[in-house]
PDB file of N, CA and C in Angstrom:
ATOM      1  N   MET A   1       0.953  -1.002   0.020  1.00  0.00           N
ATOM      2  CA  MET A   1       0.080  -0.044  -0.172  1.00  0.00           C
ATOM      3  C   MET A   1       1.092   1.272   0.006  1.00  0.00           C
ATOM      4  N   HIS A   2       0.348   2.364  -0.366  1.00  0.00           N
ATOM      5  CA  HIS A   2       1.025   3.571  -1.044  1.00  0.00           C
ATOM      6  C   HIS A   2       1.154   4.260   0.525  1.00  0.00           C
ATOM      7  N   GLU A   3       1.984   5.048   0.715  1.00  0.00           N
ATOM      8  CA  GLU A   3       1.842   6.287   1.858  1.00  0.00           C
ATOM      9  C   GLU A   3       0.980   6.729   2.085  1.00  0.00           C
ATOM     10  N   SER A   4      -0.060   7.360   1.099  1.00  0.00           N
ATOM     11  CA  SER A   4      -1.469   8.094   0.628  1.00  0.00           C
ATOM     12  C   SER A   4      -2.318   7.198   1.664  1.00  0.00           C
ATOM     13  N   GLY A   5      -2.245   6.134   1.419  1.00  0.00           N
ATOM     14  CA  GLY A   5      -3.498   5.212   1.557  1.00  0.00           C
ATOM     15  C   GLY A   5      -3.594   4.969   2.945  1.00  0.00           C
ATOM     16  N   GLU A   6      -2.028   4.664   3.305  1.00  0.00           N
ATOM     17  CA  GLU A   6      -1.817   4.446   4.566  1.00  0.00           C
ATOM     18  C   GLU A   6      -2.174   5.477   5.323  1.00  0.00           C
ATOM     19  N   ASN A   7      -1.648   6.865   5.130  1.00  0.00           N
ATOM     20  CA  ASN A   7      -2.121   8.148   6.150  1.00  0.00           C
ATOM     21  C   ASN A   7      -4.012   8.355   5.929  1.00  0.00           C
ATOM     22  N   TYR A   8      -4.084   8.032   5.151  1.00  0.00           N
ATOM     23  CA  TYR A   8      -5.855   8.246   5.035  1.00  0.00           C
ATOM     24  C   TYR A   8      -6.486   7.057   5.857  1.00  0.00           C
ATOM     25  N   LEU A   9      -5.745   5.870   6.203  1.00  0.00           N
ATOM     26  CA  LEU A   9      -6.555   4.805   6.801  1.00  0.00           C
ATOM     27  C   LEU A   9      -6.301   5.227   8.497  1.00  0.00           C
ATOM     28  N   GLU A  10      -4.965   5.687   8.700  1.00  0.00           N
ATOM     29  CA  GLU A  10      -4.696   6.328   9.992  1.00  0.00           C
ATOM     30  C   GLU A  10      -5.251   7.429  10.207  1.00  0.00           C
ATOM     31  N   THR A  11      -5.496   8.359   9.581  1.00  0.00           N
ATOM     32  CA  THR A  11      -6.844   9.379   9.995  1.00  0.00           C
ATOM     33  C   THR A  11      -7.882   9.183  10.156  1.00  0.00           C
ATOM     34  N   ILE A  12      -8.862   8.387   9.100  1.00  0.00           N
ATOM     35  CA  ILE A  12      -9.867   7.499   9.493  1.00  0.00           C
ATOM     36  C   ILE A  12      -9.723   7.129  11.067  1.00  0.00           C
ATOM     37  N   LEU A  13      -8.968   6.450  11.247  1.00  0.00           N
ATOM     38  CA  LEU A  13      -8.964   5.471  12.482  1.00  0.00           C
ATOM     39  C   LEU A  13      -8.931   6.508  13.926  1.00  0.00           C
ATOM     40  N   MET A  14      -8.125   7.618  13.760  1.00  0.00           N
ATOM     41  CA  MET A  14      -8.004   8.471  14.759  1.00  0.00           C
ATOM     42  C   MET A  14      -9.018   9.369  14.475  1.00  0.00           C
ATOM     43  N   LEU A  15      -9.575   9.644  13.839  1.00  0.00           N
ATOM     44  CA  LEU A  15     -10.832  10.424  13.849  1.00  0.00           C
ATOM     45  C   LEU A  15     -12.097   9.763  13.997  1.00  0.00           C
ATOM     46  N   LYS A  16     -11.966   8.391  13.810  1.00  0.00           N
ATOM     47  CA  LYS A  16     -13.159   7.687  14.650  1.00  0.00           C
ATOM     48  C   LYS A  16     -13.154   7.437  16.142  1.00  0.00           C
ATOM     49  N   GLU A  17     -12.082   7.355  16.537  1.00  0.00           N
ATOM     50  CA  GLU A  17     -11.857   7.291  17.869  1.00  0.00           C
ATOM     51  C   GLU A  17     -12.018   8.630  18.566  1.00  0.00           C
ATOM     52  N   ARG A  18     -11.958   9.990  17.799  1.00  0.00           N
ATOM     53  CA  ARG A  18     -11.953  11.284  18.566  1.00  0.00           C
ATOM     54  C   ARG A  18     -13.331  11.726  18.582  1.00  0.00           C
ATOM     55  N   ASN A  19     -14.054  11.395  17.355  1.00  0.00           N
ATOM     56  CA  ASN A  19     -15.214  11.932  17.072  1.00  0.00           C
ATOM     57  C   ASN A  19     -16.354  10.762  16.955  1.00  0.00           C
ATOM     58  N   GLY A  20     -16.090   9.948  17.191  1.00  0.00           N
ATOM     59  CA  GLY A  20     -17.163   8.640  16.692  1.00  0.00           C
ATOM     60  C   GLY A  20     -17.501   8.288  15.215  1.00  0.00           C
ATOM     61  N   ILE A  21     -17.336   9.476  14.323  1.00  0.00           N
ATOM     62  CA  ILE A  21     -18.166   9.282  13.129  1.00  0.00           C
ATOM     63  C   ILE A  21     -17.040   9.942  11.790  1.00  0.00           C
ATOM     64  N   VAL A  22     -16.823   9.422  10.927  1.00  0.00           N
ATOM     65  CA  VAL A  22     -15.763   9.856  10.101  1.00  0.00           C
ATOM     66  C   VAL A  22     -16.746  10.113   8.472  1.00  0.00           C
ATOM     67  N   ARG A  23     -16.544  11.489   8.317  1.00  0.00           N
ATOM     68  CA  ARG A  23     -16.849  11.516   6.779  1.00  0.00           C
ATOM     69  C   ARG A  23     -15.675  12.069   5.815  1.00  0.00           C
ATOM     70  N   SER A  24     -15.892  12.201   4.418  1.00  0.00           N
ATOM     71  CA  SER A  24     -15.088  12.704   3.617  1.00  0.00           C
ATOM     72  C   SER A  24     -14.498  14.068   4.183  1.00  0.00           C
ATOM     73  N   ILE A  25     -15.567  15.280   4.336  1.00  0.00           N
ATOM     74  CA  ILE A  25     -15.104  16.264   5.062  1.00  0.00           C
ATOM     75  C   ILE A  25     -14.622  16.526   5.849  1.00  0.00           C
ATOM     76  N   ASP A  26     -14.511  15.392   6.874  1.00  0.00           N
ATOM     77  CA  ASP A  26     -13.994  15.270   8.028  1.00  0.00           C
ATOM     78  C   ASP A  26     -12.040  15.095   7.756  1.00  0.00           C
ATOM     79  N   ILE A  27     -12.122  13.991   6.672  1.00  0.00           N
ATOM     80  CA  ILE A  27     -10.686  13.851   6.680  1.00  0.00           C
ATOM     81  C   ILE A  27      -9.862  15.077   5.712  1.00  0.00           C
ATOM     82  N   ALA A  28     -10.874  15.474   4.929  1.00  0.00           N
ATOM     83  CA  ALA A  28     -10.192  16.704   3.840  1.00  0.00           C
ATOM     84  C   ALA A  28      -9.728  17.777   4.738  1.00  0.00           C
ATOM     85  N   ARG A  29     -10.441  18.399   6.054  1.00  0.00           N
ATOM     86  CA  ARG A  29     -10.259  19.129   7.058  1.00  0.00           C
ATOM     87  C   ARG A  29      -9.083  18.706   7.908  1.00  0.00           C
ATOM     88  N   GLU A  30      -8.647  17.217   8.255  1.00  0.00           N
ATOM     89  CA  GLU A  30      -7.670  17.109   9.121  1.00  0.00           C
ATOM     90  C   GLU A  30      -6.426  17.054   8.089  1.00  0.00           C
ATOM     91  N   LEU A  31      -6.515  16.658   7.261  1.00  0.00           N
ATOM     92  CA  LEU A  31      -5.192  16.486   5.961  1.00  0.00           C
ATOM     93  C   LEU A  31      -5.337  17.706   5.331  1.00  0.00           C
ATOM     94  N   ASN A  32      -5.981  18.968   5.685  1.00  0.00           N
ATOM     95  CA  ASN A  32      -5.785  19.769   4.740  1.00  0.00           C
ATOM     96  C   ASN A  32      -5.894  19.580   3.022  1.00  0.00           C
ATOM     97  N   PHE A  33      -6.501  18.760   2.692  1.00  0.00           N
ATOM     98  CA  PHE A  33      -6.809  18.218   1.315  1.00  0.00           C
ATOM     99  C   PHE A  33      -7.818  18.494   0.722  1.00  0.00           C
ATOM    100  N   SER A  34      -8.100  18.782  -0.691  1.00  0.00           N
ATOM    101  CA  SER A  34      -9.467  18.995  -1.013  1.00  0.00           C
ATOM    102  C   SER A  34     -10.468  17.872  -1.441  1.00  0.00           C
ATOM    103  N   LYS A  35     -11.675  18.015  -0.542  1.00  0.00           N
ATOM    104  CA  LYS A  35     -13.122  17.180  -0.859  1.00  0.00           C
ATOM    105  C   LYS A  35     -12.884  16.320  -2.057  1.00  0.00           C
ATOM    106  N   PRO A  36     -12.522  16.802  -3.600  1.00  0.00           N
ATOM    107  CA  PRO A  36     -12.121  15.990  -4.339  1.00  0.00           C
ATOM    108  C   PRO A  36     -11.347  14.742  -4.441  1.00  0.00           C
ATOM    109  N   SER A  37     -10.069  15.269  -3.892  1.00  0.00           N
ATOM    110  CA  SER A  37      -8.877  14.288  -3.485  1.00  0.00           C
ATOM    111  C   SER A  37      -9.494  13.393  -2.765  1.00  0.00           C
ATOM    112  N   VAL A  38     -10.331  13.935  -1.432  1.00  0.00           N
ATOM    113  CA  VAL A  38     -10.107  12.923  -0.222  1.00  0.00           C
ATOM    114  C   VAL A  38     -11.410  11.609  -1.111  1.00  0.00           C
ATOM    115  N   SER A  39     -12.356  11.815  -2.127  1.00  0.00           N
ATOM    116  CA  SER A  39     -13.247  11.452  -1.911  1.00  0.00           C
ATOM    117  C   SER A  39     -12.852  10.480  -3.217  1.00  0.00           C
ATOM    118  N   ARG A  40     -11.896  10.383  -4.166  1.00  0.00           N
ATOM    119  CA  ARG A  40     -11.261   9.974  -4.939  1.00  0.00           C
ATOM    120  C   ARG A  40     -10.402   8.588  -4.240  1.00  0.00           C
ATOM    121  N   ALA A  41      -9.749   9.323  -3.431  1.00  0.00           N
ATOM    122  CA  ALA A  41      -9.262   7.881  -2.427  1.00  0.00           C
ATOM    123  C   ALA A  41      -9.832   7.445  -1.912  1.00  0.00           C
ATOM    124  N   MET A  42     -11.317   8.082  -1.246  1.00  0.00           N
ATOM    125  CA  MET A  42     -11.923   7.078  -0.411  1.00  0.00           C
ATOM    126  C   MET A  42     -12.524   5.683  -1.365  1.00  0.00           C
ATOM    127  N   GLY A  43     -12.767   6.009  -2.708  1.00  0.00           N
ATOM    128  CA  GLY A  43     -13.340   5.497  -3.739  1.00  0.00           C
ATOM    129  C   GLY A  43     -12.143   3.888  -3.934  1.00  0.00           C
ATOM    130  N   ILE A  44     -11.088   4.464  -4.208  1.00  0.00           N
ATOM    131  CA  ILE A  44      -9.785   3.513  -4.026  1.00  0.00           C
ATOM    132  C   ILE A  44      -9.922   2.625  -3.062  1.00  0.00           C
ATOM    133  N   LEU A  45     -10.026   3.164  -1.501  1.00  0.00           N
ATOM    134  CA  LEU A  45      -9.750   2.396  -0.397  1.00  0.00           C
ATOM    135  C   LEU A  45     -10.984   1.596  -0.247  1.00  0.00           C
ATOM    136  N   ARG A  46     -12.272   2.037  -0.765  1.00  0.00           N
ATOM    137  CA  ARG A  46     -13.684   0.976  -0.854  1.00  0.00           C
ATOM    138  C   ARG A  46     -13.033  -0.237  -1.785  1.00  0.00           C
ATOM    139  N   GLU A  47     -12.580   0.219  -2.988  1.00  0.00           N
ATOM    140  CA  GLU A  47     -12.745  -1.188  -3.870  1.00  0.00           C
ATOM    141  C   GLU A  47     -11.439  -1.822  -3.713  1.00  0.00           C
ATOM    142  N   LYS A  48     -10.724  -1.158  -2.895  1.00  0.00           N
ATOM    143  CA  LYS A  48      -9.489  -2.335  -1.847  1.00  0.00           C
ATOM    144  C   LYS A  48      -9.994  -2.648  -1.160  1.00  0.00           C
ATOM    145  N   GLY A  49     -11.091  -2.856  -0.396  1.00  0.00           N
ATOM    146  CA  GLY A  49     -11.937  -3.641   0.639  1.00  0.00           C
ATOM    147  C   GLY A  49     -11.353  -3.114   1.838  1.00  0.00           C
ATOM    148  N   PHE A  50     -10.724  -1.688   1.876  1.00  0.00           N
ATOM    149  CA  PHE A  50     -10.411  -1.237   3.358  1.00  0.00           C
ATOM    150  C   PHE A  50     -11.258  -0.625   3.979  1.00  0.00           C
ATOM    151  N   ILE A  51     -12.350  -0.166   3.385  1.00  0.00           N
ATOM    152  CA  ILE A  51     -13.512   0.749   4.210  1.00  0.00           C
ATOM    153  C   ILE A  51     -14.869   0.279   3.120  1.00  0.00           C
ATOM    154  N   THR A  52     -15.883   0.768   3.903  1.00  0.00           N
ATOM    155  CA  THR A  52     -17.316   1.116   3.718  1.00  0.00           C
ATOM    156  C   THR A  52     -17.595   2.551   3.893  1.00  0.00           C
ATOM    157  N   MET A  53     -18.465   2.855   2.930  1.00  0.00           N
ATOM    158  CA  MET A  53     -19.173   4.308   2.723  1.00  0.00           C
ATOM    159  C   MET A  53     -20.818   3.980   2.547  1.00  0.00           C
ATOM    160  N   GLU A  54     -21.571   4.490   3.808  1.00  0.00           N
ATOM    161  CA  GLU A  54     -22.686   4.608   4.265  1.00  0.00           C
ATOM    162  C   GLU A  54     -23.327   5.340   3.558  1.00  0.00           C
ATOM    163  N   PRO A  55     -24.787   5.359   3.054  1.00  0.00           N
ATOM    164  CA  PRO A  55     -25.501   6.151   2.345  1.00  0.00           C
ATOM    165  C   PRO A  55     -25.475   7.373   2.619  1.00  0.00           C
ATOM    166  N   ALA A  56     -25.726   7.890   4.062  1.00  0.00           N
ATOM    167  CA  ALA A  56     -25.413   8.936   4.799  1.00  0.00           C
ATOM    168  C   ALA A  56     -24.065   9.623   4.794  1.00  0.00           C
ATOM    169  N   GLY A  57     -22.915   9.069   3.975  1.00  0.00           N
ATOM    170  CA  GLY A  57     -21.483   9.623   3.823  1.00  0.00           C
ATOM    171  C   GLY A  57     -20.600   8.989   4.820  1.00  0.00           C
ATOM    172  N   GLU A  58     -21.415   8.649   5.887  1.00  0.00           N
ATOM    173  CA  GLU A  58     -20.594   7.998   6.807  1.00  0.00           C
ATOM    174  C   GLU A  58     -19.128   6.683   6.583  1.00  0.00           C
ATOM    175  N   ILE A  59     -18.080   6.895   6.673  1.00  0.00           N
ATOM    176  CA  ILE A  59     -16.775   5.803   6.292  1.00  0.00           C
ATOM    177  C   ILE A  59     -16.756   5.342   7.415  1.00  0.00           C
ATOM    178  N   GLU A  60     -16.513   4.021   7.354  1.00  0.00           N
ATOM    179  CA  GLU A  60     -16.492   2.680   8.215  1.00  0.00           C
ATOM    180  C   GLU A  60     -14.997   2.285   7.688  1.00  0.00           C
ATOM    181  N   LEU A  61     -14.238   1.308   8.766  1.00  0.00           N
ATOM    182  CA  LEU A  61     -13.086   0.773   7.997  1.00  0.00           C
ATOM    183  C   LEU A  61     -13.438  -0.902   8.461  1.00  0.00           C
ATOM    184  N   THR A  62     -13.194  -1.185   7.397  1.00  0.00           N
ATOM    185  CA  THR A  62     -13.538  -2.896   7.383  1.00  0.00           C
ATOM    186  C   THR A  62     -12.462  -3.283   8.054  1.00  0.00           C
ATOM    187  N   VAL A  63     -12.515  -4.835   8.538  1.00  0.00           N
ATOM    188  CA  VAL A  63     -11.890  -5.649   9.465  1.00  0.00           C
ATOM    189  C   VAL A  63     -10.178  -5.109   8.601  1.00  0.00           C
ATOM    190  N   LYS A  64     -10.208  -5.376   7.538  1.00  0.00           N
ATOM    191  CA  LYS A  64      -8.617  -5.498   6.915  1.00  0.00           C
ATOM    192  C   LYS A  64      -8.650  -3.781   6.964  1.00  0.00           C
ATOM    193  N   GLY A  65      -9.042  -3.140   6.784  1.00  0.00           N
ATOM    194  CA  GLY A  65      -8.653  -1.652   6.974  1.00  0.00           C
ATOM    195  C   GLY A  65      -8.178  -1.319   8.276  1.00  0.00           C
ATOM    196  N   HIS A  66      -9.284  -1.848   9.220  1.00  0.00           N
ATOM    197  CA  HIS A  66      -8.854  -1.373  10.478  1.00  0.00           C
ATOM    198  C   HIS A  66      -7.764  -1.957  11.080  1.00  0.00           C
ATOM    199  N   GLN A  67      -7.195  -3.295  10.612  1.00  0.00           N
ATOM    200  CA  GLN A  67      -6.211  -3.895  10.829  1.00  0.00           C
ATOM    201  C   GLN A  67      -4.486  -3.239  10.265  1.00  0.00           C
ATOM    202  N   LYS A  68      -5.085  -2.646   9.223  1.00  0.00           N
ATOM    203  CA  LYS A  68      -3.943  -1.910   8.667  1.00  0.00           C
ATOM    204  C   LYS A  68      -3.598  -0.616   8.873  1.00  0.00           C
ATOM    205  N   ALA A  69      -5.003   0.039   9.055  1.00  0.00           N
ATOM    206  CA  ALA A  69      -4.695   1.283  10.090  1.00  0.00           C
ATOM    207  C   ALA A  69      -4.065   1.657  11.429  1.00  0.00           C
ATOM    208  N   GLY A  70      -4.102   0.324  12.015  1.00  0.00           N
ATOM    209  CA  GLY A  70      -3.981   0.139  13.702  1.00  0.00           C
ATOM    210  C   GLY A  70      -2.251  -0.264  13.635  1.00  0.00           C
ATOM    211  N   GLU A  71      -2.434  -0.827  12.351  1.00  0.00           N
ATOM    212  CA  GLU A  71      -0.694  -1.161  12.356  1.00  0.00           C
ATOM    213  C   GLU A  71       0.411   0.616  11.782  1.00  0.00           C
ATOM    214  N   VAL A  72      -0.080   0.930  11.015  1.00  0.00           N
ATOM    215  CA  VAL A  72       0.231   2.202  10.779  1.00  0.00           C
ATOM    216  C   VAL A  72       0.245   2.766  11.827  1.00  0.00           C
ATOM    217  N   TYR A  73      -0.778   3.063  12.496  1.00  0.00           N
ATOM    218  CA  TYR A  73      -0.965   4.030  13.662  1.00  0.00           C
ATOM    219  C   TYR A  73       0.229   3.399  15.059  1.00  0.00           C
ATOM    220  N   ALA A  74       0.241   1.998  15.152  1.00  0.00           N
ATOM    221  CA  ALA A  74       0.997   1.494  16.239  1.00  0.00           C
ATOM    222  C   ALA A  74       2.637   2.133  16.082  1.00  0.00           C
ATOM    223  N   ARG A  75       2.754   2.007  14.315  1.00  0.00           N
ATOM    224  CA  ARG A  75       4.358   2.356  14.118  1.00  0.00           C
ATOM    225  C   ARG A  75       4.716   3.708  14.065  1.00  0.00           C
ATOM    226  N   HIS A  76       3.526   4.676  14.100  1.00  0.00           N
ATOM    227  CA  HIS A  76       3.569   5.843  14.229  1.00  0.00           C
ATOM    228  C   HIS A  76       3.864   6.449  16.025  1.00  0.00           C
ATOM    229  N   ARG A  77       2.901   5.790  16.610  1.00  0.00           N
ATOM    230  CA  ARG A  77       3.282   6.072  18.142  1.00  0.00           C
ATOM    231  C   ARG A  77       4.666   5.480  19.090  1.00  0.00           C
ATOM    232  N   LEU A  78       4.889   4.354  17.922  1.00  0.00           N
ATOM    233  CA  LEU A  78       6.325   4.004  18.517  1.00  0.00           C
ATOM    234  C   LEU A  78       7.445   4.478  18.081  1.00  0.00           C
ATOM    235  N   LEU A  79       7.289   5.813  16.893  1.00  0.00           N
ATOM    236  CA  LEU A  79       8.898   5.933  16.226  1.00  0.00           C
ATOM    237  C   LEU A  79       8.394   7.888  17.037  1.00  0.00           C
ATOM    238  N   THR A  80       6.901   8.297  17.349  1.00  0.00           N
ATOM    239  CA  THR A  80       7.084   9.410  17.901  1.00  0.00           C
ATOM    240  C   THR A  80       7.748   8.848  19.621  1.00  0.00           C
ATOM    241  N   THR A  81       7.766   7.967  20.038  1.00  0.00           N
ATOM    242  CA  THR A  81       7.957   7.650  21.776  1.00  0.00           C
ATOM    243  C   THR A  81       9.798   7.895  21.379  1.00  0.00           C
ATOM    244  N   PHE A  82      10.097   6.989  20.515  1.00  0.00           N
ATOM    245  CA  PHE A  82      11.412   6.531  20.137  1.00  0.00           C
ATOM    246  C   PHE A  82      12.181   7.932  20.146  1.00  0.00           C
ATOM    247  N   LEU A  83      11.896   8.958  19.159  1.00  0.00           N
ATOM    248  CA  LEU A  83      12.022  10.232  18.621  1.00  0.00           C
ATOM    249  C   LEU A  83      12.338  10.988  20.165  1.00  0.00           C
ATOM    250  N   GLN A  84      11.282  11.100  20.873  1.00  0.00           N
ATOM    251  CA  GLN A  84      11.105  12.113  21.944  1.00  0.00           C
ATOM    252  C   GLN A  84      12.235  11.078  22.763  1.00  0.00           C
ATOM    253  N   THR A  85      12.438   9.888  23.307  1.00  0.00           N
ATOM    254  CA  THR A  85      13.134   9.519  23.986  1.00  0.00           C
ATOM    255  C   THR A  85      15.099   9.393  23.553  1.00  0.00           C
ATOM    256  N   VAL A  86      14.992   9.324  22.650  1.00  0.00           N
ATOM    257  CA  VAL A  86      16.062   9.030  21.830  1.00  0.00           C
ATOM    258  C   VAL A  86      17.369  10.686  21.292  1.00  0.00           C
ATOM    259  N   THR A  87      16.291  11.094  21.134  1.00  0.00           N
ATOM    260  CA  THR A  87      17.048  12.779  20.995  1.00  0.00           C
ATOM    261  C   THR A  87      16.161  13.911  21.490  1.00  0.00           C
ATOM    262  N   GLY A  88      15.288  13.859  22.455  1.00  0.00           N
ATOM    263  CA  GLY A  88      14.642  14.706  23.313  1.00  0.00           C
ATOM    264  C   GLY A  88      14.342  15.609  22.326  1.00  0.00           C
ATOM    265  N   VAL A  89      13.308  15.609  21.432  1.00  0.00           N
ATOM    266  CA  VAL A  89      12.733  16.054  20.806  1.00  0.00           C
ATOM    267  C   VAL A  89      11.337  16.732  21.709  1.00  0.00           C
ATOM    268  N   ASP A  90      10.527  18.027  21.049  1.00  0.00           N
ATOM    269  CA  ASP A  90       9.411  17.712  22.122  1.00  0.00           C
ATOM    270  C   ASP A  90       8.763  16.877  20.976  1.00  0.00           C
ATOM    271  N   GLU A  91       7.498  16.821  21.822  1.00  0.00           N
ATOM    272  CA  GLU A  91       6.391  15.918  21.082  1.00  0.00           C
ATOM    273  C   GLU A  91       6.055  16.482  19.617  1.00  0.00           C
ATOM    274  N   VAL A  92       5.830  17.443  19.405  1.00  0.00           N
ATOM    275  CA  VAL A  92       4.881  17.869  17.791  1.00  0.00           C
ATOM    276  C   VAL A  92       6.401  17.761  17.033  1.00  0.00           C
ATOM    277  N   MET A  93       7.278  17.898  17.361  1.00  0.00           N
ATOM    278  CA  MET A  93       8.688  17.397  16.464  1.00  0.00           C
ATOM    279  C   MET A  93       8.830  16.279  16.058  1.00  0.00           C
ATOM    280  N   ALA A  94       8.529  15.337  17.567  1.00  0.00           N
ATOM    281  CA  ALA A  94       8.767  14.082  17.042  1.00  0.00           C
ATOM    282  C   ALA A  94       7.565  13.492  16.279  1.00  0.00           C
ATOM    283  N   GLU A  95       6.258  14.115  16.288  1.00  0.00           N
ATOM    284  CA  GLU A  95       5.260  13.578  15.801  1.00  0.00           C
ATOM    285  C   GLU A  95       5.417  13.728  14.329  1.00  0.00           C
ATOM    286  N   GLU A  96       5.780  14.996  13.671  1.00  0.00           N
ATOM    287  CA  GLU A  96       5.690  15.284  12.450  1.00  0.00           C
ATOM    288  C   GLU A  96       6.955  14.650  11.791  1.00  0.00           C
ATOM    289  N   ASN A  97       8.202  14.245  12.727  1.00  0.00           N
ATOM    290  CA  ASN A  97       8.865  13.144  11.924  1.00  0.00           C
ATOM    291  C   ASN A  97       8.374  12.096  12.196  1.00  0.00           C
ATOM    292  N   ALA A  98       7.895  11.222  12.856  1.00  0.00           N
ATOM    293  CA  ALA A  98       7.627   9.931  13.020  1.00  0.00           C
ATOM    294  C   ALA A  98       6.581   9.753  11.569  1.00  0.00           C
ATOM    295  N   CYS A  99       5.410  10.451  11.534  1.00  0.00           N
ATOM    296  CA  CYS A  99       4.792  10.457  10.570  1.00  0.00           C
ATOM    297  C   CYS A  99       5.472  10.538   8.694  1.00  0.00           C
ATOM    298  N   ARG A 100       6.549  10.787   8.887  1.00  0.00           N
ATOM    299  CA  ARG A 100       7.268  10.803   7.493  1.00  0.00           C
ATOM    300  C   ARG A 100       7.741   9.553   7.312  1.00  0.00           C
ATOM    301  N   MET A 101       8.544   9.157   8.424  1.00  0.00           N
ATOM    302  CA  MET A 101       8.870   7.927   9.061  1.00  0.00           C
ATOM    303  C   MET A 101       8.546   6.839   8.953  1.00  0.00           C
ATOM    304  N   GLU A 102       7.040   6.515   9.337  1.00  0.00           N
ATOM    305  CA  GLU A 102       6.450   5.252   9.140  1.00  0.00           C
ATOM    306  C   GLU A 102       6.315   4.824   8.145  1.00  0.00           C
ATOM    307  N   HIS A 103       6.430   5.787   7.051  1.00  0.00           N
ATOM    308  CA  HIS A 103       5.997   4.714   5.751  1.00  0.00           C
ATOM    309  C   HIS A 103       7.203   4.259   4.602  1.00  0.00           C
ATOM    310  N   ILE A 104       8.357   5.040   5.207  1.00  0.00           N
ATOM    311  CA  ILE A 104       9.660   4.111   4.591  1.00  0.00           C
ATOM    312  C   ILE A 104      10.471   3.109   5.305  1.00  0.00           C
ATOM    313  N   LEU A 105      10.374   3.116   6.279  1.00  0.00           N
ATOM    314  CA  LEU A 105      11.258   2.231   7.290  1.00  0.00           C
ATOM    315  C   LEU A 105      10.631   0.482   7.121  1.00  0.00           C
ATOM    316  N   ASP A 106      11.464  -0.172   6.601  1.00  0.00           N
ATOM    317  CA  ASP A 106      11.656  -1.473   6.584  1.00  0.00           C
ATOM    318  C   ASP A 106      11.083  -1.960   8.109  1.00  0.00           C
ATOM    319  N   GLN A 107      10.116  -3.304   7.795  1.00  0.00           N
ATOM    320  CA  GLN A 107       9.973  -3.936   9.429  1.00  0.00           C
ATOM    321  C   GLN A 107      10.933  -4.267   9.938  1.00  0.00           C
ATOM    322  N   GLN A 108      11.924  -4.956   9.605  1.00  0.00           N
ATOM    323  CA  GLN A 108      12.440  -5.169  10.688  1.00  0.00           C
ATOM    324  C   GLN A 108      13.469  -3.703  11.363  1.00  0.00           C
ATOM    325  N   VAL A 109      13.802  -2.787  10.400  1.00  0.00           N
ATOM    326  CA  VAL A 109      13.747  -1.627  11.312  1.00  0.00           C
ATOM    327  C   VAL A 109      12.998  -1.753  12.428  1.00  0.00           C
ATOM    328  N   VAL A 110      11.348  -1.470  12.076  1.00  0.00           N
ATOM    329  CA  VAL A 110      10.787  -0.935  13.069  1.00  0.00           C
ATOM    330  C   VAL A 110      10.888  -2.128  14.698  1.00  0.00           C
ATOM    331  N   ASP A 111      11.137  -3.311  13.890  1.00  0.00           N
ATOM    332  CA  ASP A 111      11.212  -4.496  15.026  1.00  0.00           C
ATOM    333  C   ASP A 111      12.108  -3.848  15.936  1.00  0.00           C
ATOM    334  N   GLY A 112      13.417  -3.594  15.142  1.00  0.00           N
ATOM    335  CA  GLY A 112      14.598  -3.431  16.151  1.00  0.00           C
ATOM    336  C   GLY A 112      14.444  -2.285  17.271  1.00  0.00           C
ATOM    337  N   ILE A 113      13.730  -1.147  16.466  1.00  0.00           N
ATOM    338  CA  ILE A 113      13.185   0.367  17.809  1.00  0.00           C
ATOM    339  C   ILE A 113      12.623  -0.632  18.885  1.00  0.00           C
ATOM    340  N   ARG A 114      11.314  -1.366  18.062  1.00  0.00           N
ATOM    341  CA  ARG A 114      10.545  -1.815  18.758  1.00  0.00           C
ATOM    342  C   ARG A 114      11.509  -2.141  20.016  1.00  0.00           C
ATOM    343  N   SER A 115      12.253  -3.378  19.684  1.00  0.00           N
ATOM    344  CA  SER A 115      12.862  -4.148  20.842  1.00  0.00           C
ATOM    345  C   SER A 115      13.979  -3.274  21.434  1.00  0.00           C
ATOM    346  N   PHE A 116      14.280  -2.422  20.876  1.00  0.00           N
ATOM    347  CA  PHE A 116      15.346  -1.526  21.740  1.00  0.00           C
ATOM    348  C   PHE A 116      14.385  -0.596  22.992  1.00  0.00           C
ATOM    349  N   MET A 117      13.169  -0.357  22.705  1.00  0.00           N
ATOM    350  CA  MET A 117      12.387   0.351  23.189  1.00  0.00           C
ATOM    351  C   MET A 117      11.911  -0.317  24.751  1.00  0.00           C
ATOM    352  N   GLU A 118      11.706  -1.614  24.203  1.00  0.00           N
ATOM    353  CA  GLU A 118      11.011  -2.714  25.070  1.00  0.00           C
ATOM    354  C   GLU A 118      12.448  -2.846  26.706  1.00  0.00           C
ATOM    355  N   ARG A 119      13.727  -2.885  25.810  1.00  0.00           N
ATOM    356  CA  ARG A 119      14.801  -2.995  26.519  1.00  0.00           C
ATOM    357  C   ARG A 119      15.005  -1.800  27.104  1.00  0.00           C
ATOM    358  N   LYS A 120      15.012  -0.931  26.892  1.00  0.00           N
ATOM    359  CA  LYS A 120      15.010   0.583  27.568  1.00  0.00           C
ATOM    360  C   LYS A 120      14.002   0.608  28.892  1.00  0.00           C
ATOM    361  N   ASN A 121      12.451   0.079  28.566  1.00  0.00           N
ATOM    362  CA  ASN A 121      11.560   0.252  29.632  1.00  0.00           C
ATOM    363  C   ASN A 121      11.978  -0.871  30.990  1.00  0.00           C
ATOM    364  N   GLU A 122      12.666  -1.944  29.961  1.00  0.00           N
ATOM    365  CA  GLU A 122      12.644  -2.959  31.226  1.00  0.00           C
ATOM    366  C   GLU A 122      13.985  -2.823  32.295  1.00  0.00           C
ATOM    367  N   GLN A 123      14.943  -1.373  31.726  1.00  0.00           N
ATOM    368  CA  GLN A 123      15.765  -1.103  32.223  1.00  0.00           C
ATOM    369  C   GLN A 123      15.285   0.055  33.496  1.00  0.00           C
ATOM    370  N   ARG A 124      14.143   0.795  32.856  1.00  0.00           N
ATOM    371  CA  ARG A 124      13.668   1.813  34.132  1.00  0.00           C
ATOM    372  C   ARG A 124      12.900   1.097  35.230  1.00  0.00           C
ATOM    373  N   ARG A 125      12.422  -0.222  34.780  1.00  0.00           N
ATOM    374  CA  ARG A 125      11.717  -0.473  35.818  1.00  0.00           C
ATOM    375  C   ARG A 125      12.423  -0.998  37.171  1.00  0.00           C
ATOM    376  N   LYS A 126      13.751  -1.599  36.668  1.00  0.00           N
ATOM    377  CA  LYS A 126      14.455  -2.275  37.663  1.00  0.00           C
ATOM    378  C   LYS A 126      15.077  -1.316  38.613  1.00  0.00           C
TER     379      LYS A 126
END
């Protein structure tokens, strides 16, 4: 899946958690994209089985979509925490950089970061 598709799925998941309902206009506002761009992307995600769209315009993640969005969001949170911990940057800068990084890192690198953070957390508990 392309970075843009991952961003859309992650945004849908976050908006759903925050607002309880997600429509194309909500996504457009959140990402600062045009409504036609979002509508086109939603069509592609629907065709690929990641979302469903209700007649009233509500967007729902399918099981497949929720799984993928959850993976992307978990990677985002991991990288944000990693960047804050290792570099000492503030949360806003860590979030912005994590958002860019989460789509390009190989899974083996993400797994290595996760292992590093788990070891670091274990050391703190001792």
